[in-house]
C-alpha atoms as a PDB file:
ATOM      1  CA  MET A   1       2.313  -9.132 -32.059  1.00  0.00           C
ATOM      2  CA  VAL A   2       3.102 -12.181 -29.440  1.00  0.00           C
ATOM      3  CA  LEU A   3       5.266 -13.715 -32.323  1.00  0.00           C
ATOM      4  CA  ASP A   4       7.497 -10.547 -32.415  1.00  0.00           C
ATOM      5  CA  LYS A   5       8.425 -11.658 -28.765  1.00  0.00           C
ATOM      6  CA  ALA A   6      10.183 -14.918 -29.343  1.00  0.00           C
ATOM      7  CA  SER A   7      13.010 -13.412 -31.111  1.00  0.00           C
ATOM      8  CA  SER A   8      14.491 -12.296 -27.819  1.00  0.00           C
ATOM      9  CA  VAL A   9      14.090 -15.199 -25.589  1.00  0.00           C
ATOM     10  CA  THR A  10      17.940 -15.602 -25.253  1.00  0.00           C
ATOM     11  CA  HIS A  11      20.017 -12.924 -25.423  1.00  0.00           C
ATOM     12  CA  LEU A  12      23.361 -14.930 -25.727  1.00  0.00           C
ATOM     13  CA  GLU A  13      25.062 -13.319 -29.671  1.00  0.00           C
ATOM     14  CA  THR A  14      28.091 -15.571 -30.272  1.00  0.00           C
ATOM     15  CA  VAL A  15      29.737 -18.418 -28.853  1.00  0.00           C
ATOM     16  CA  ASP A  16      33.557 -18.954 -29.280  1.00  0.00           C
ATOM     17  CA  PRO A  17      33.959 -20.738 -32.533  1.00  0.00           C
ATOM     18  CA  ALA A  18      36.738 -22.970 -30.510  1.00  0.00           C
ATOM     19  CA  ILE A  19      33.707 -23.880 -27.852  1.00  0.00           C
ATOM     20  CA  ALA A  20      31.395 -24.102 -30.398  1.00  0.00           C
ATOM     21  CA  SER A  21      33.251 -26.972 -32.469  1.00  0.00           C
ATOM     22  CA  THR A  22      32.899 -29.397 -29.425  1.00  0.00           C
ATOM     23  CA  LEU A  23      29.393 -29.403 -28.792  1.00  0.00           C
ATOM     24  CA  ARG A  24      27.324 -31.632 -30.157  1.00  0.00           C
ATOM     25  CA  PHE A  25      23.651 -31.141 -31.282  1.00  0.00           C
ATOM     26  CA  LEU A  26      20.700 -34.550 -31.326  1.00  0.00           C
ATOM     27  CA  VAL A  27      17.685 -33.361 -32.634  1.00  0.00           C
ATOM     28  CA  VAL A  28      14.972 -35.939 -32.978  1.00  0.00           C
ATOM     29  CA  ARG A  29      11.472 -34.913 -35.591  1.00  0.00           C
ATOM     30  CA  THR A  30       8.605 -35.865 -36.363  1.00  0.00           C
ATOM     31  CA  ARG A  31       7.560 -36.873 -40.367  1.00  0.00           C
ATOM     32  CA  TRP A  32       3.749 -36.252 -39.007  1.00  0.00           C
ATOM     33  CA  ASN A  33       2.730 -32.382 -40.079  1.00  0.00           C
ATOM     34  CA  SER A  34       6.600 -33.043 -42.188  1.00  0.00           C
ATOM     35  CA  ASP A  35       6.362 -29.199 -43.726  1.00  0.00           C
ATOM     36  CA  LEU A  36       6.220 -27.286 -40.892  1.00  0.00           C
ATOM     37  CA  VAL A  37       8.500 -29.940 -38.743  1.00  0.00           C
ATOM     38  CA  ASP A  38      11.399 -29.285 -41.985  1.00  0.00           C
ATOM     39  CA  ALA A  39      11.328 -25.841 -41.891  1.00  0.00           C
ATOM     40  CA  LEU A  40      11.936 -25.600 -37.815  1.00  0.00           C
ATOM     41  CA  VAL A  41      14.563 -28.206 -38.351  1.00  0.00           C
ATOM     42  CA  ASP A  42      16.110 -25.802 -41.044  1.00  0.00           C
ATOM     43  CA  GLY A  43      15.512 -22.752 -37.970  1.00  0.00           C
ATOM     44  CA  VAL A  44      17.161 -25.267 -36.070  1.00  0.00           C
ATOM     45  CA  VAL A  45      20.033 -26.337 -37.936  1.00  0.00           C
ATOM     46  CA  LEU A  46      20.717 -22.862 -39.886  1.00  0.00           C
ATOM     47  CA  THR A  47      21.053 -20.834 -37.110  1.00  0.00           C
ATOM     48  CA  LEU A  48      23.400 -23.618 -35.026  1.00  0.00           C
ATOM     49  CA  THR A  49      25.639 -23.357 -38.122  1.00  0.00           C
ATOM     50  CA  ALA A  50      25.513 -20.229 -39.065  1.00  0.00           C
ATOM     51  CA  LYS A  51      24.970 -17.708 -35.710  1.00  0.00           C
ATOM     52  CA  PHE A  52      27.157 -20.093 -33.752  1.00  0.00           C
ATOM     53  CA  GLN A  53      29.366 -21.561 -35.920  1.00  0.00           C
ATOM     54  CA  VAL A  54      28.402 -25.300 -34.735  1.00  0.00           C
ATOM     55  CA  PRO A  55      29.815 -27.281 -37.500  1.00  0.00           C
ATOM     56  CA  ALA A  56      27.344 -29.585 -39.496  1.00  0.00           C
ATOM     57  CA  ALA A  57      29.022 -32.920 -38.733  1.00  0.00           C
ATOM     58  CA  ASN A  58      28.166 -31.909 -34.716  1.00  0.00           C
ATOM     59  CA  ILE A  59      24.193 -31.672 -35.457  1.00  0.00           C
ATOM     60  CA  ASP A  60      22.366 -34.939 -35.567  1.00  0.00           C
ATOM     61  CA  VAL A  61      18.882 -35.609 -36.890  1.00  0.00           C
ATOM     62  CA  GLN A  62      17.056 -38.699 -36.177  1.00  0.00           C
ATOM     63  CA  THR A  63      13.694 -38.866 -37.365  1.00  0.00           C
ATOM     64  CA  VAL A  64      10.391 -40.785 -35.629  1.00  0.00           C
ATOM     65  CA  ALA A  65       6.673 -41.120 -36.691  1.00  0.00           C
ATOM     66  CA  GLY A  66       4.913 -38.445 -34.074  1.00  0.00           C
ATOM     67  CA  SER A  67       5.059 -36.476 -31.397  1.00  0.00           C
ATOM     68  CA  PHE A  68       3.996 -39.285 -29.094  1.00  0.00           C
ATOM     69  CA  GLU A  69       7.653 -40.961 -30.100  1.00  0.00           C
ATOM     70  CA  LEU A  70       9.666 -38.467 -29.342  1.00  0.00           C
ATOM     71  CA  PRO A  71      10.358 -38.668 -25.420  1.00  0.00           C
ATOM     72  CA  ARG A  72      11.560 -42.399 -25.654  1.00  0.00           C
ATOM     73  CA  ALA A  73      13.132 -41.370 -28.974  1.00  0.00           C
ATOM     74  CA  THR A  74      15.069 -38.985 -27.423  1.00  0.00           C
ATOM     75  CA  LYS A  75      15.976 -40.291 -24.151  1.00  0.00           C
ATOM     76  CA  THR A  76      17.101 -43.895 -26.169  1.00  0.00           C
ATOM     77  CA  LEU A  77      19.256 -41.442 -28.476  1.00  0.00           C
ATOM     78  CA  LEU A  78      20.578 -39.890 -25.109  1.00  0.00           C
ATOM     79  CA  ARG A  79      21.872 -42.732 -23.195  1.00  0.00           C
ATOM     80  CA  SER A  80      23.509 -44.704 -26.518  1.00  0.00           C
ATOM     81  CA  ALA A  81      25.431 -41.712 -27.143  1.00  0.00           C
ATOM     82  CA  ARG A  82      26.924 -41.134 -23.374  1.00  0.00           C
ATOM     83  CA  ASP A  83      27.440 -45.036 -23.349  1.00  0.00           C
ATOM     84  CA  HIS A  84      29.633 -44.708 -26.181  1.00  0.00           C
ATOM     85  CA  GLY A  85      31.275 -41.826 -24.701  1.00  0.00           C
ATOM     86  CA  LYS A  86      29.557 -38.919 -27.188  1.00  0.00           C
ATOM     87  CA  PRO A  87      27.502 -37.567 -25.328  1.00  0.00           C
ATOM     88  CA  TYR A  88      25.440 -34.543 -26.439  1.00  0.00           C
ATOM     89  CA  ALA A  89      25.927 -31.381 -25.526  1.00  0.00           C
ATOM     90  CA  ALA A  90      21.598 -30.771 -25.443  1.00  0.00           C
ATOM     91  CA  ALA A  91      18.880 -31.843 -27.678  1.00  0.00           C
ATOM     92  CA  ILE A  92      15.655 -30.819 -29.557  1.00  0.00           C
ATOM     93  CA  PRO A  93      12.680 -32.797 -29.991  1.00  0.00           C
ATOM     94  CA  ILE A  94      10.661 -31.405 -32.487  1.00  0.00           C
ATOM     95  CA  GLY A  95       7.316 -31.782 -33.223  1.00  0.00           C
ATOM     96  CA  VAL A  96       3.791 -30.050 -34.599  1.00  0.00           C
ATOM     97  CA  LEU A  97       0.021 -31.002 -32.794  1.00  0.00           C
ATOM     98  CA  ILE A  98      -2.626 -29.259 -34.115  1.00  0.00           C
ATOM     99  CA  LYS A  99      -6.322 -29.564 -32.435  1.00  0.00           C
ATOM    100  CA  GLY A 100      -8.754 -31.332 -34.196  1.00  0.00           C
ATOM    101  CA  SER A 101     -12.210 -32.527 -33.462  1.00  0.00           C
ATOM    102  CA  THR A 102     -11.828 -34.919 -30.988  1.00  0.00           C
ATOM    103  CA  MET A 103     -10.018 -34.311 -27.865  1.00  0.00           C
ATOM    104  CA  HIS A 104      -6.702 -36.439 -29.222  1.00  0.00           C
ATOM    105  CA  PHE A 105      -4.966 -33.217 -29.435  1.00  0.00           C
ATOM    106  CA  GLU A 106      -5.410 -32.114 -25.661  1.00  0.00           C
ATOM    107  CA  TYR A 107      -4.113 -35.695 -24.515  1.00  0.00           C
ATOM    108  CA  ILE A 108      -1.295 -35.967 -26.939  1.00  0.00           C
ATOM    109  CA  ALA A 109      -0.107 -32.464 -26.217  1.00  0.00           C
ATOM    110  CA  GLU A 110      -0.495 -33.101 -22.596  1.00  0.00           C
ATOM    111  CA  SER A 111       1.152 -36.304 -22.212  1.00  0.00           C
ATOM    112  CA  VAL A 112       4.588 -35.459 -24.463  1.00  0.00           C
ATOM    113  CA  THR A 113       5.030 -32.653 -22.493  1.00  0.00           C
ATOM    114  CA  HIS A 114       5.336 -34.332 -19.290  1.00  0.00           C
ATOM    115  CA  ALA A 115       7.127 -36.792 -20.810  1.00  0.00           C
ATOM    116  CA  ILE A 116       9.595 -34.842 -22.450  1.00  0.00           C
ATOM    117  CA  MET A 117       9.775 -32.456 -19.255  1.00  0.00           C
ATOM    118  CA  ASP A 118      10.739 -36.233 -17.366  1.00  0.00           C
ATOM    119  CA  VAL A 119      13.724 -36.568 -19.830  1.00  0.00           C
ATOM    120  CA  ASN A 120      14.991 -33.549 -19.926  1.00  0.00           C
ATOM    121  CA  LEU A 121      14.972 -34.158 -15.821  1.00  0.00           C
ATOM    122  CA  SER A 122      16.198 -37.876 -15.939  1.00  0.00           C
ATOM    123  CA  GLN A 123      18.863 -37.516 -18.079  1.00  0.00           C
ATOM    124  CA  GLU A 124      22.431 -35.622 -18.165  1.00  0.00           C
ATOM    125  CA  THR A 125      21.763 -33.561 -20.920  1.00  0.00           C
ATOM    126  CA  PRO A 126      19.505 -30.674 -20.892  1.00  0.00           C
ATOM    127  CA  LEU A 127      16.233 -31.360 -23.415  1.00  0.00           C
ATOM    128  CA  ILE A 128      14.507 -27.585 -25.265  1.00  0.00           C
ATOM    129  CA  PHE A 129      10.899 -28.317 -25.969  1.00  0.00           C
ATOM    130  CA  GLY A 130      10.485 -28.025 -30.230  1.00  0.00           C
ATOM    131  CA  VAL A 131       6.585 -29.238 -30.097  1.00  0.00           C
ATOM    132  CA  LEU A 132       4.405 -26.345 -31.136  1.00  0.00           C
ATOM    133  CA  THR A 133       0.086 -26.949 -29.939  1.00  0.00           C
ATOM    134  CA  CYS A 134      -1.423 -24.720 -32.098  1.00  0.00           C
ATOM    135  CA  LEU A 135      -5.624 -24.705 -32.940  1.00  0.00           C
ATOM    136  CA  THR A 136      -5.435 -24.073 -36.716  1.00  0.00           C
ATOM    137  CA  ASP A 137      -2.742 -24.616 -39.110  1.00  0.00           C
ATOM    138  CA  ASP A 138      -1.974 -20.795 -39.509  1.00  0.00           C
ATOM    139  CA  GLN A 139      -0.843 -20.539 -36.049  1.00  0.00           C
ATOM    140  CA  ALA A 140       1.362 -23.244 -36.631  1.00  0.00           C
ATOM    141  CA  LYS A 141       2.679 -21.660 -40.119  1.00  0.00           C
ATOM    142  CA  LEU A 142       3.057 -18.601 -38.148  1.00  0.00           C
ATOM    143  CA  ARG A 143       5.718 -20.144 -35.402  1.00  0.00           C
ATOM    144  CA  ALA A 144       7.105 -22.268 -38.648  1.00  0.00           C
ATOM    145  CA  GLY A 145       8.083 -19.068 -39.737  1.00  0.00           C
ATOM    146  CA  ILE A 146       5.849 -19.597 -43.041  1.00  0.00           C
ATOM    147  CA  ALA A 147       3.682 -16.397 -44.106  1.00  0.00           C
ATOM    148  CA  VAL A 148      -0.185 -16.249 -43.816  1.00  0.00           C
ATOM    149  CA  GLY A 149      -1.391 -13.051 -45.145  1.00  0.00           C
ATOM    150  CA  ASP A 150      -0.449 -10.161 -43.634  1.00  0.00           C
ATOM    151  CA  GLU A 151       0.805 -11.684 -40.515  1.00  0.00           C
ATOM    152  CA  HIS A 152       4.096 -11.317 -39.433  1.00  0.00           C
ATOM    153  CA  PRO A 153       5.964 -15.300 -38.849  1.00  0.00           C
ATOM    154  CA  HIS A 154       8.657 -16.000 -36.651  1.00  0.00           C
ATOM    155  CA  ASN A 155      10.632 -19.514 -36.958  1.00  0.00           C
ATOM    156  CA  HIS A 156      10.310 -20.753 -33.190  1.00  0.00           C
ATOM    157  CA  GLY A 157      13.379 -23.315 -34.565  1.00  0.00           C
ATOM    158  CA  ILE A 158      16.271 -20.157 -34.205  1.00  0.00           C
ATOM    159  CA  ASP A 159      14.821 -19.704 -30.428  1.00  0.00           C
ATOM    160  CA  TRP A 160      14.829 -22.941 -29.552  1.00  0.00           C
ATOM    161  CA  ALA A 161      18.571 -23.122 -31.240  1.00  0.00           C
ATOM    162  CA  SER A 162      19.916 -20.083 -29.098  1.00  0.00           C
ATOM    163  CA  ALA A 163      17.958 -21.833 -26.248  1.00  0.00           C
ATOM    164  CA  ALA A 164      19.980 -25.169 -26.897  1.00  0.00           C
ATOM    165  CA  VAL A 165      23.129 -23.315 -27.127  1.00  0.00           C
ATOM    166  CA  GLU A 166      23.032 -21.077 -24.102  1.00  0.00           C
ATOM    167  CA  MET A 167      21.727 -24.361 -21.828  1.00  0.00           C
ATOM    168  CA  ALA A 168      25.329 -26.430 -23.126  1.00  0.00           C
ATOM    169  CA  LEU A 169      27.377 -23.919 -21.916  1.00  0.00           C
ATOM    170  CA  LEU A 170      25.744 -23.343 -18.708  1.00  0.00           C
ATOM    171  CA  GLU A 171      25.934 -27.386 -18.129  1.00  0.00           C
ATOM    172  CA  ARG A 172      29.407 -27.504 -19.177  1.00  0.00           C
ATOM    173  CA  ALA A 173      30.168 -24.085 -16.804  1.00  0.00           C
ATOM    174  CA  ALA A 174      28.289 -25.778 -13.776  1.00  0.00           C
ATOM    175  CA  SER A 175      30.290 -28.616 -14.201  1.00  0.00           C
ATOM    176  CA  SER A 176      33.816 -27.186 -14.464  1.00  0.00           C
ATOM    177  CA  PRO A 177      35.776 -27.755 -11.539  1.00  0.00           C
ATOM    178  CA  SER A 178      36.843 -24.692 -11.742  1.00  0.00           C
ATOM    179  CA  SER A 179      32.762 -23.128 -10.994  1.00  0.00           C
ATOM    180  CA  SER A 180      32.568 -25.282  -7.999  1.00  0.00           C
ATOM    181  CA  PRO A 181      32.420 -22.520  -4.906  1.00  0.00           C
ATOM    182  CA  SER A 182      34.078 -25.246  -2.515  1.00  0.00           C
ATOM    183  CA  ARG A 183      37.094 -26.194  -5.005  1.00  0.00           C
ATOM    184  CA  ARG A 184      37.591 -22.203  -5.154  1.00  0.00           C
ATOM    185  CA  ALA A 185      37.531 -21.976  -1.729  1.00  0.00           C
ATOM    186  CA  ALA A 186      40.009 -24.914  -1.072  1.00  0.00           C
ATOM    187  CA  THR A 187      42.333 -23.856  -3.802  1.00  0.00           C
ATOM    188  CA  ALA A 188      42.207 -20.038  -1.915  1.00  0.00           C
ATOM    189  CA  ALA A 189      43.209 -21.438   0.762  1.00  0.00           C
ATOM    190  CA  ALA A 190      45.756 -23.565  -0.436  1.00  0.00           C
ATOM    191  CA  ARG A 191      47.247 -20.545  -1.970  1.00  0.00           C
ATOM    192  CA  HIS A 192      46.979 -19.056   1.532  1.00  0.00           C
ATOM    193  CA  ASP A 193      48.892 -21.504   2.856  1.00  0.00           C
ATOM    194  CA  GLY A 194      52.087 -21.313   0.892  1.00  0.00           C
ATOM    195  CA  GLY A 195      50.409 -23.408  -2.373  1.00  0.00           C
ATOM    196  CA  GLU A 196      50.463 -26.724  -0.278  1.00  0.00           C
ATOM    197  CA  ARG A 197      47.796 -28.836  -2.387  1.00  0.00           C
ATOM    198  CA  SER A 198      44.308 -29.140  -0.708  1.00  0.00           C
ATOM    199  CA  LYS A 199      43.773 -32.027   1.828  1.00  0.00           C
ATOM    200  CA  PRO A 200      40.937 -34.199  -0.140  1.00  0.00           C
ATOM    201  CA  LYS A 201      37.936 -34.480   0.871  1.00  0.00           C
ATOM    202  CA  PRO A 202      36.238 -37.526   2.849  1.00  0.00           C
ATOM    203  CA  LYS A 203      33.808 -39.865   1.395  1.00  0.00           C
ATOM    204  CA  ALA A 204      29.865 -39.640   1.972  1.00  0.00           C
ATOM    205  CA  LYS A 205      28.580 -40.758   4.872  1.00  0.00           C
ATOM    206  CA  ARG A 206      27.571 -44.101   3.804  1.00  0.00           C
ATOM    207  CA  VAL A 207      23.468 -44.683   4.057  1.00  0.00           C
ATOM    208  CA  GLU A 208      22.258 -46.024   7.348  1.00  0.00           C
ATOM    209  CA  ARG A 209      20.827 -49.298   6.768  1.00  0.00           C
ATOM    210  CA  HIS A 210      18.287 -51.354   8.394  1.00  0.00           C
ATOM    211  CA  PRO A 211      19.408 -54.786   8.197  1.00  0.00           C
ATOM    212  CA  ASP A 212      15.737 -56.246   8.260  1.00  0.00           C
ATOM    213  CA  LEU A 213      14.331 -53.557   5.637  1.00  0.00           C
ATOM    214  CA  GLU A 214      16.566 -54.502   3.357  1.00  0.00           C
ATOM    215  CA  LEU A 215      15.747 -55.552  -0.635  1.00  0.00           C
ATOM    216  CA  PHE A 216      17.833 -56.856  -3.624  1.00  0.00           C
ATOM    217  CA  GLY A 217      17.222 -55.868  -6.991  1.00  0.00           C
ATOM    218  CA  ARG A 218      18.483 -57.345  -9.829  1.00  0.00           C
ATOM    219  CA  LEU A 219      19.777 -55.378 -12.687  1.00  0.00           C
ATOM    220  CA  PRO A 220      19.580 -56.261 -16.347  1.00  0.00           C
ATOM    221  CA  THR A 221      22.965 -56.909 -18.308  1.00  0.00           C
ATOM    222  CA  HIS A 222      21.293 -55.682 -22.040  1.00  0.00           C
ATOM    223  CA  PRO A 223      23.384 -52.767 -23.483  1.00  0.00           C
ATOM    224  CA  THR A 224      21.250 -50.321 -21.934  1.00  0.00           C
ATOM    225  CA  PRO A 225      22.210 -50.138 -18.142  1.00  0.00           C
ATOM    226  CA  VAL A 226      20.046 -48.420 -15.255  1.00  0.00           C
ATOM    227  CA  HIS A 227      22.249 -46.122 -13.964  1.00  0.00           C
ATOM    228  CA  ARG A 228      22.350 -45.155 -10.085  1.00  0.00           C
ATOM    229  CA  GLN A 229      20.758 -41.425 -11.202  1.00  0.00           C
ATOM    230  CA  ASP A 230      17.655 -43.102 -13.142  1.00  0.00           C
ATOM    231  CA  ILE A 231      16.927 -45.030  -9.788  1.00  0.00           C
ATOM    232  CA  GLU A 232      17.061 -42.249  -7.491  1.00  0.00           C
ATOM    233  CA  ASN A 233      15.359 -40.255  -9.818  1.00  0.00           C
ATOM    234  CA  ALA A 234      12.785 -43.028  -9.466  1.00  0.00           C
ATOM    235  CA  LEU A 235      12.490 -42.918  -5.958  1.00  0.00           C
ATOM    236  CA  MET A 236      12.141 -39.164  -6.027  1.00  0.00           C
ATOM    237  CA  THR A 237       9.431 -39.555  -8.348  1.00  0.00           C
ATOM    238  CA  ALA A 238       7.369 -41.336  -6.271  1.00  0.00           C
ATOM    239  CA  GLY A 239       7.404 -39.998  -2.864  1.00  0.00           C
ATOM    240  CA  LEU A 240      10.212 -42.651  -1.511  1.00  0.00           C
ATOM    241  CA  SER A 241      12.376 -40.312   0.451  1.00  0.00           C
ATOM    242  CA  ASN A 242      13.018 -42.877   3.644  1.00  0.00           C
ATOM    243  CA  VAL A 243      14.570 -45.612   0.805  1.00  0.00           C
ATOM    244  CA  HIS A 244      17.961 -45.073   0.079  1.00  0.00           C
ATOM    245  CA  ILE A 245      20.329 -47.345  -2.445  1.00  0.00           C
ATOM    246  CA  ALA A 246      22.824 -48.720   0.218  1.00  0.00           C
ATOM    247  CA  LYS A 247      25.169 -50.410  -2.117  1.00  0.00           C
ATOM    248  CA  PHE A 248      24.887 -50.338  -6.102  1.00  0.00           C
ATOM    249  CA  HIS A 249      26.922 -51.928  -8.696  1.00  0.00           C
ATOM    250  CA  PRO A 250      26.684 -51.275 -12.270  1.00  0.00           C
ATOM    251  CA  LYS A 251      24.840 -54.290 -14.523  1.00  0.00           C
ATOM    252  CA  LYS A 252      24.478 -56.014 -11.129  1.00  0.00           C
ATOM    253  CA  TYR A 253      22.716 -55.614  -7.919  1.00  0.00           C
ATOM    254  CA  VAL A 254      21.431 -52.451  -6.260  1.00  0.00           C
ATOM    255  CA  ILE A 255      20.586 -52.820  -2.173  1.00  0.00           C
ATOM    256  CA  PHE A 256      17.782 -50.712  -0.899  1.00  0.00           C
ATOM    257  CA  SER A 257      17.824 -49.746   2.270  1.00  0.00           C
ATOM    258  CA  ALA A 258      14.340 -49.118   3.742  1.00  0.00           C
ATOM    259  CA  GLU A 259      13.712 -47.014   7.076  1.00  0.00           C
ATOM    260  CA  SER A 260      10.335 -48.868   7.784  1.00  0.00           C
ATOM    261  CA  PRO A 261       8.408 -52.146   7.146  1.00  0.00           C
ATOM    262  CA  GLU A 262       5.978 -49.435   5.212  1.00  0.00           C
ATOM    263  CA  ASP A 263       8.333 -47.833   3.214  1.00  0.00           C
ATOM    264  CA  ALA A 264      10.145 -51.379   2.227  1.00  0.00           C
ATOM    265  CA  ALA A 265       6.300 -52.086   0.969  1.00  0.00           C
ATOM    266  CA  ALA A 266       5.836 -49.394  -0.767  1.00  0.00           C
ATOM    267  CA  LEU A 267       8.958 -50.320  -2.986  1.00  0.00           C
ATOM    268  CA  VAL A 268       7.838 -53.635  -3.902  1.00  0.00           C
ATOM    269  CA  GLY A 269       4.581 -51.252  -5.188  1.00  0.00           C
ATOM    270  CA  LEU A 270       7.756 -49.173  -6.669  1.00  0.00           C
ATOM    271  CA  GLU A 271       8.188 -52.084  -9.259  1.00  0.00           C
ATOM    272  CA  LEU A 272       6.084 -52.028 -11.702  1.00  0.00           C
ATOM    273  CA  TYR A 273       6.618 -47.991 -11.628  1.00  0.00           C
ATOM    274  CA  LEU A 274      10.711 -48.709 -12.702  1.00  0.00           C
ATOM    275  CA  GLU A 275       9.177 -51.429 -15.150  1.00  0.00           C
ATOM    276  CA  THR A 276       6.814 -48.464 -17.627  1.00  0.00           C
ATOM    277  CA  MET A 277      10.102 -45.873 -16.992  1.00  0.00           C
ATOM    278  CA  GLU A 278      12.325 -48.703 -18.735  1.00  0.00           C
ATOM    279  CA  LEU A 279      14.065 -49.472 -15.228  1.00  0.00           C
ATOM    280  CA  THR A 280      14.234 -53.377 -15.382  1.00  0.00           C
ATOM    281  CA  ILE A 281      14.874 -54.151 -11.888  1.00  0.00           C
ATOM    282  CA  THR A 282      13.724 -57.674 -10.780  1.00  0.00           C
ATOM    283  CA  LEU A 283      13.235 -56.705  -6.432  1.00  0.00           C
ATOM    284  CA  VAL A 284      13.839 -59.868  -4.322  1.00  0.00           C
ATOM    285  CA  LYS A 285      12.769 -59.448  -0.716  1.00  0.00           C
ATOM    286  CA  ALA A 286      15.422 -60.832   0.980  1.00  0.00           C
ATOM    287  CA  VAL A 287      19.387 -58.879   0.708  1.00  0.00           C
ATOM    288  CA  PRO A 288      21.929 -61.568  -0.926  1.00  0.00           C
ATOM    289  CA  SER A 289      23.191 -63.343   2.203  1.00  0.00           C
ATOM    290  CA  THR A 290      23.143 -66.688   3.395  1.00  0.00           C
ATOM    291  CA  ASP A 291      23.738 -66.100   6.737  1.00  0.00           C
ATOM    292  CA  ARG A 292      21.304 -63.346   6.635  1.00  0.00           C
ATOM    293  CA  VAL A 293      18.644 -65.569   5.379  1.00  0.00           C
ATOM    294  CA  GLY A 294      19.051 -68.131   7.788  1.00  0.00           C
ATOM    295  CA  SER A 295      19.296 -65.933  10.926  1.00  0.00           C
ATOM    296  CA  SER A 296      16.518 -63.637  12.643  1.00  0.00           C
ATOM    297  CA  HIS A 297      17.271 -61.028  10.029  1.00  0.00           C
ATOM    298  CA  ALA A 298      15.667 -62.992   7.751  1.00  0.00           C
ATOM    299  CA  SER A 299      11.896 -62.249   9.235  1.00  0.00           C
ATOM    300  CA  THR A 300      11.204 -59.160   6.760  1.00  0.00           C
ATOM    301  CA  PRO A 301       7.566 -58.721   6.703  1.00  0.00           C
ATOM    302  CA  LEU A 302       8.056 -58.570   2.399  1.00  0.00           C
ATOM    303  CA  THR A 303       8.065 -62.491   3.090  1.00  0.00           C
ATOM    304  CA  THR A 304       5.877 -64.910   4.446  1.00  0.00           C
ATOM    305  CA  THR A 305       8.117 -67.597   5.422  1.00  0.00           C
ATOM    306  CA  THR A 306      12.929 -67.723   5.535  1.00  0.00           C
ATOM    307  CA  ALA A 307      12.242 -70.704   3.394  1.00  0.00           C
ATOM    308  CA  THR A 308      10.372 -68.238   1.124  1.00  0.00           C
ATOM    309  CA  ALA A 309      12.962 -65.628   1.361  1.00  0.00           C
ATOM    310  CA  ALA A 310      15.912 -67.606   0.193  1.00  0.00           C
ATOM    311  CA  ALA A 311      14.178 -69.924  -2.387  1.00  0.00           C
ATOM    312  CA  ALA A 312      13.673 -66.483  -3.976  1.00  0.00           C
ATOM    313  CA  VAL A 313      17.010 -65.426  -4.133  1.00  0.00           C
ATOM    314  CA  ARG A 314      17.906 -68.573  -5.251  1.00  0.00           C
ATOM    315  CA  ALA A 315      15.611 -68.205  -8.159  1.00  0.00           C
ATOM    316  CA  THR A 316      17.533 -65.655  -9.217  1.00  0.00           C
ATOM    317  CA  GLY A 317      21.140 -66.452  -8.630  1.00  0.00           C
ATOM    318  CA  ALA A 318      21.341 -63.787  -5.832  1.00  0.00           C
ATOM    319  CA  ALA A 319      22.986 -66.094  -3.754  1.00  0.00           C
ATOM    320  CA  ASP A 320      25.819 -65.581  -5.730  1.00  0.00           C
ATOM    321  CA  TYR A 321      26.703 -62.687  -3.913  1.00  0.00           C
ATOM    322  CA  ASP A 322      26.930 -62.816   0.037  1.00  0.00           C
ATOM    323  CA  GLU A 323      28.059 -59.554   1.774  1.00  0.00           C
ATOM    324  CA  GLU A 324      31.689 -59.878   2.229  1.00  0.00           C
ATOM    325  CA  GLU A 325      32.142 -60.336  -1.386  1.00  0.00           C
ATOM    326  CA  ILE A 326      29.355 -57.449  -2.269  1.00  0.00           C
ATOM    327  CA  ASP A 327      31.558 -55.140  -0.076  1.00  0.00           C
ATOM    328  CA  SER A 328      34.224 -55.871  -1.549  1.00  0.00           C
ATOM    329  CA  GLU A 329      32.908 -54.762  -5.255  1.00  0.00           C
ATOM    330  CA  GLU A 330      34.805 -52.422  -7.289  1.00  0.00           C
ATOM    331  CA  GLY A 331      32.929 -48.926  -7.413  1.00  0.00           C
ATOM    332  CA  LEU A 332      30.870 -49.328  -4.349  1.00  0.00           C
END
């Protein structure tokens, strides 16, 4: 039967208790279809604690109204945990969608699936897809481990927990310094040279900047900051491969450098998209340098006049940052 195949979704049997005790997991569940979701959450928690020996205190379970709220809640909780220095090893958003007599099921199932994938790719924590999309109540019960007639049930929460541990260990191994091919090669070379320490890697090459096509973005200062990776993901998703981040300072500003007037214009159009992705960036159509605004470089294709550009800079306080100050900021 199809349900039987799910029991072998991972080949992970055991985990070193010393490692398991350091892993933290997030479960975000819905109140909608609570009986089914309760069973799925039980499958996740019991598998993590009994099979993989993850301490119950390391498993946080948060509740939201329905499946539509899962992606945003998961993203918010992951960011909060990371900002407080307690990141999760993996997260499992759990919900149950059952088709009714309207198109509501199709719209919600598709949007939630895509949104969870977006969160999975944009955050540093792996997500396991824990939303059942079933055509009937009986299908949902069987996949929640609840018997229906002679059908053999299987609780998918068991598999989601196994997949979460597997992904958590994969992420940990990939981020370990010893797992990097370049690090292993450098270590081998150092040993070959009699144990002499390898030279530090050169700094990454600075992005080639186009003074006439630079935009200044003021970042928000609220408790949930915009991360550089979030912006890079948004640029990639929007297909703006010719727009680069030339400068970035957390909670202060970002300077974009475009390769053509068309790319710069497209970046301005991206501002609304950034807002939908919860990346509040106020774009200013000029670089925050009074010398540049007053020079011939100020005639960017995105401003009607130099005075307009200068006014936009002053309106956001961007003029407080001249080019020398930006270059001297720490962390750039």
